[in-house]
Amino acid sequence: MKKYLGVISFALIILVICFFAGNITQVIDPGVTTFRVLMICGIIISFSFSFLSEKGLWRKLALGLSIFVGFVYFMAVELMRIIFQGNGF
């Protein structure tokens, strides 16, 4: 099972990216709480799976992509929510 955790993590982070893109383009419209919970859980699970997978190309791809997506999510959503919280963001 450890052999496939990198591939599973990579597929999961791609699904998180698609969910984020679908929400930004308003193709899907989940509530704010649902969006935040799914994004945070997806990023944490993907990071955990990639960290636990065996070394190789899939681990590097999944780990790098999950760190990047987590950073972009934090900057684009959470930090902007904190800064503009009083302005209806």
C-alpha atoms as a PDB file:
ATOM      1  CA  MET A   1       0.000   0.000   0.000  1.00  0.00           C
ATOM      2  CA  LYS A   2       2.867   2.349   0.773  1.00  0.00           C
ATOM      3  CA  LYS A   3       3.937   2.024  -2.842  1.00  0.00           C
ATOM      4  CA  TYR A   4       0.728   3.635  -4.122  1.00  0.00           C
ATOM      5  CA  LEU A   5       0.347   6.426  -1.561  1.00  0.00           C
ATOM      6  CA  GLY A   6       2.277   8.854  -3.774  1.00  0.00           C
ATOM      7  CA  VAL A   7      -0.042   8.261  -6.727  1.00  0.00           C
ATOM      8  CA  ILE A   8      -3.131   8.508  -4.505  1.00  0.00           C
ATOM      9  CA  SER A   9      -1.805  11.731  -3.002  1.00  0.00           C
ATOM     10  CA  PHE A  10      -1.107  13.201  -6.433  1.00  0.00           C
ATOM     11  CA  ALA A  11      -4.613  12.313  -7.636  1.00  0.00           C
ATOM     12  CA  LEU A  12      -6.149  13.796  -4.489  1.00  0.00           C
ATOM     13  CA  ILE A  13      -4.291  17.088  -4.822  1.00  0.00           C
ATOM     14  CA  ILE A  14      -5.375  17.303  -8.476  1.00  0.00           C
ATOM     15  CA  LEU A  15      -8.983  16.870  -7.295  1.00  0.00           C
ATOM     16  CA  VAL A  16      -8.443  19.633  -4.725  1.00  0.00           C
ATOM     17  CA  ILE A  17      -7.105  21.919  -7.477  1.00  0.00           C
ATOM     18  CA  CYS A  18     -10.134  21.125  -9.663  1.00  0.00           C
ATOM     19  CA  PHE A  19     -12.478  21.816  -6.747  1.00  0.00           C
ATOM     20  CA  PHE A  20     -10.735  25.149  -6.095  1.00  0.00           C
ATOM     21  CA  ALA A  21     -10.918  26.099  -9.787  1.00  0.00           C
ATOM     22  CA  GLY A  22     -14.560  25.056  -9.999  1.00  0.00           C
ATOM     23  CA  ASN A  23     -15.392  27.208  -7.025  1.00  0.00           C
ATOM     24  CA  ILE A  24     -13.514  30.261  -8.325  1.00  0.00           C
ATOM     25  CA  THR A  25     -15.197  30.043 -11.737  1.00  0.00           C
ATOM     26  CA  GLN A  26     -18.538  29.447  -9.956  1.00  0.00           C
ATOM     27  CA  VAL A  27     -19.220  26.164 -11.754  1.00  0.00           C
ATOM     28  CA  ILE A  28     -20.015  24.747  -8.331  1.00  0.00           C
ATOM     29  CA  ASP A  29     -21.231  26.817  -5.418  1.00  0.00           C
ATOM     30  CA  PRO A  30     -20.706  25.143  -2.039  1.00  0.00           C
ATOM     31  CA  GLY A  31     -21.150  27.091   1.149  1.00  0.00           C
ATOM     32  CA  VAL A  32     -18.181  28.829   2.706  1.00  0.00           C
ATOM     33  CA  THR A  33     -17.854  26.303   5.515  1.00  0.00           C
ATOM     34  CA  THR A  34     -18.104  23.348   3.146  1.00  0.00           C
ATOM     35  CA  PHE A  35     -15.482  24.876   0.858  1.00  0.00           C
ATOM     36  CA  ARG A  36     -13.046  25.519   3.700  1.00  0.00           C
ATOM     37  CA  VAL A  37     -13.498  22.075   5.258  1.00  0.00           C
ATOM     38  CA  LEU A  38     -13.042  20.225   1.951  1.00  0.00           C
ATOM     39  CA  MET A  39     -10.003  22.294   0.965  1.00  0.00           C
ATOM     40  CA  ILE A  40      -8.238  21.973   4.317  1.00  0.00           C
ATOM     41  CA  CYS A  41      -9.004  18.243   4.671  1.00  0.00           C
ATOM     42  CA  GLY A  42      -7.939  17.544   1.087  1.00  0.00           C
ATOM     43  CA  ILE A  43      -4.651  19.387   1.502  1.00  0.00           C
ATOM     44  CA  ILE A  44      -3.873  17.739   4.857  1.00  0.00           C
ATOM     45  CA  ILE A  45      -4.743  14.221   3.639  1.00  0.00           C
ATOM     46  CA  SER A  46      -2.752  14.686   0.430  1.00  0.00           C
ATOM     47  CA  PHE A  47       0.247  16.010   2.346  1.00  0.00           C
ATOM     48  CA  SER A  48       0.053  13.109   4.810  1.00  0.00           C
ATOM     49  CA  PHE A  49      -0.188  10.494   2.068  1.00  0.00           C
ATOM     50  CA  SER A  50       2.707  12.003   0.142  1.00  0.00           C
ATOM     51  CA  PHE A  51       4.823  12.237   3.303  1.00  0.00           C
ATOM     52  CA  LEU A  52       4.153   8.567   4.144  1.00  0.00           C
ATOM     53  CA  SER A  53       4.790   7.236   0.625  1.00  0.00           C
ATOM     54  CA  GLU A  54       8.071   5.686  -0.376  1.00  0.00           C
ATOM     55  CA  LYS A  55      10.734   7.839  -1.960  1.00  0.00           C
ATOM     56  CA  GLY A  56      10.550   8.425  -5.672  1.00  0.00           C
ATOM     57  CA  LEU A  57       9.101  10.640  -8.365  1.00  0.00           C
ATOM     58  CA  TRP A  58       5.483  10.429  -7.182  1.00  0.00           C
ATOM     59  CA  ARG A  59       6.468  11.455  -3.666  1.00  0.00           C
ATOM     60  CA  LYS A  60       8.379  14.476  -4.926  1.00  0.00           C
ATOM     61  CA  LEU A  61       5.539  15.551  -7.220  1.00  0.00           C
ATOM     62  CA  ALA A  62       2.781  15.044  -4.676  1.00  0.00           C
ATOM     63  CA  LEU A  63       4.696  16.593  -1.781  1.00  0.00           C
ATOM     64  CA  GLY A  64       5.751  19.639  -3.773  1.00  0.00           C
ATOM     65  CA  LEU A  65       2.301  20.156  -5.246  1.00  0.00           C
ATOM     66  CA  SER A  66       0.513  19.737  -1.916  1.00  0.00           C
ATOM     67  CA  ILE A  67       2.839  22.245  -0.243  1.00  0.00           C
ATOM     68  CA  PHE A  68       2.327  24.687  -3.119  1.00  0.00           C
ATOM     69  CA  VAL A  69      -1.474  24.297  -3.112  1.00  0.00           C
ATOM     70  CA  GLY A  70      -1.568  24.663   0.674  1.00  0.00           C
ATOM     71  CA  PHE A  71       0.478  27.857   0.472  1.00  0.00           C
ATOM     72  CA  VAL A  72      -1.654  29.312  -2.335  1.00  0.00           C
ATOM     73  CA  TYR A  73      -4.862  28.381  -0.492  1.00  0.00           C
ATOM     74  CA  PHE A  74      -3.629  30.022   2.690  1.00  0.00           C
ATOM     75  CA  MET A  75      -2.582  33.197   0.869  1.00  0.00           C
ATOM     76  CA  ALA A  76      -5.601  33.453  -1.433  1.00  0.00           C
ATOM     77  CA  VAL A  77      -8.393  32.443   0.928  1.00  0.00           C
ATOM     78  CA  GLU A  78      -7.491  32.442   4.595  1.00  0.00           C
ATOM     79  CA  LEU A  79      -5.208  35.488   4.663  1.00  0.00           C
ATOM     80  CA  MET A  80      -7.596  37.550   2.541  1.00  0.00           C
ATOM     81  CA  ARG A  81     -10.485  36.491   4.777  1.00  0.00           C
ATOM     82  CA  ILE A  82      -8.581  37.694   7.844  1.00  0.00           C
ATOM     83  CA  ILE A  83      -7.606  41.008   6.212  1.00  0.00           C
ATOM     84  CA  PHE A  84     -10.997  41.827   4.673  1.00  0.00           C
ATOM     85  CA  GLN A  85     -13.246  40.146   7.235  1.00  0.00           C
ATOM     86  CA  GLY A  86     -15.215  43.290   8.011  1.00  0.00           C
ATOM     87  CA  ASN A  87     -15.851  44.099   4.342  1.00  0.00           C
ATOM     88  CA  GLY A  88     -18.097  41.131   3.547  1.00  0.00           C
ATOM     89  CA  PHE A  89     -15.335  38.902   2.169  1.00  0.00           C
END
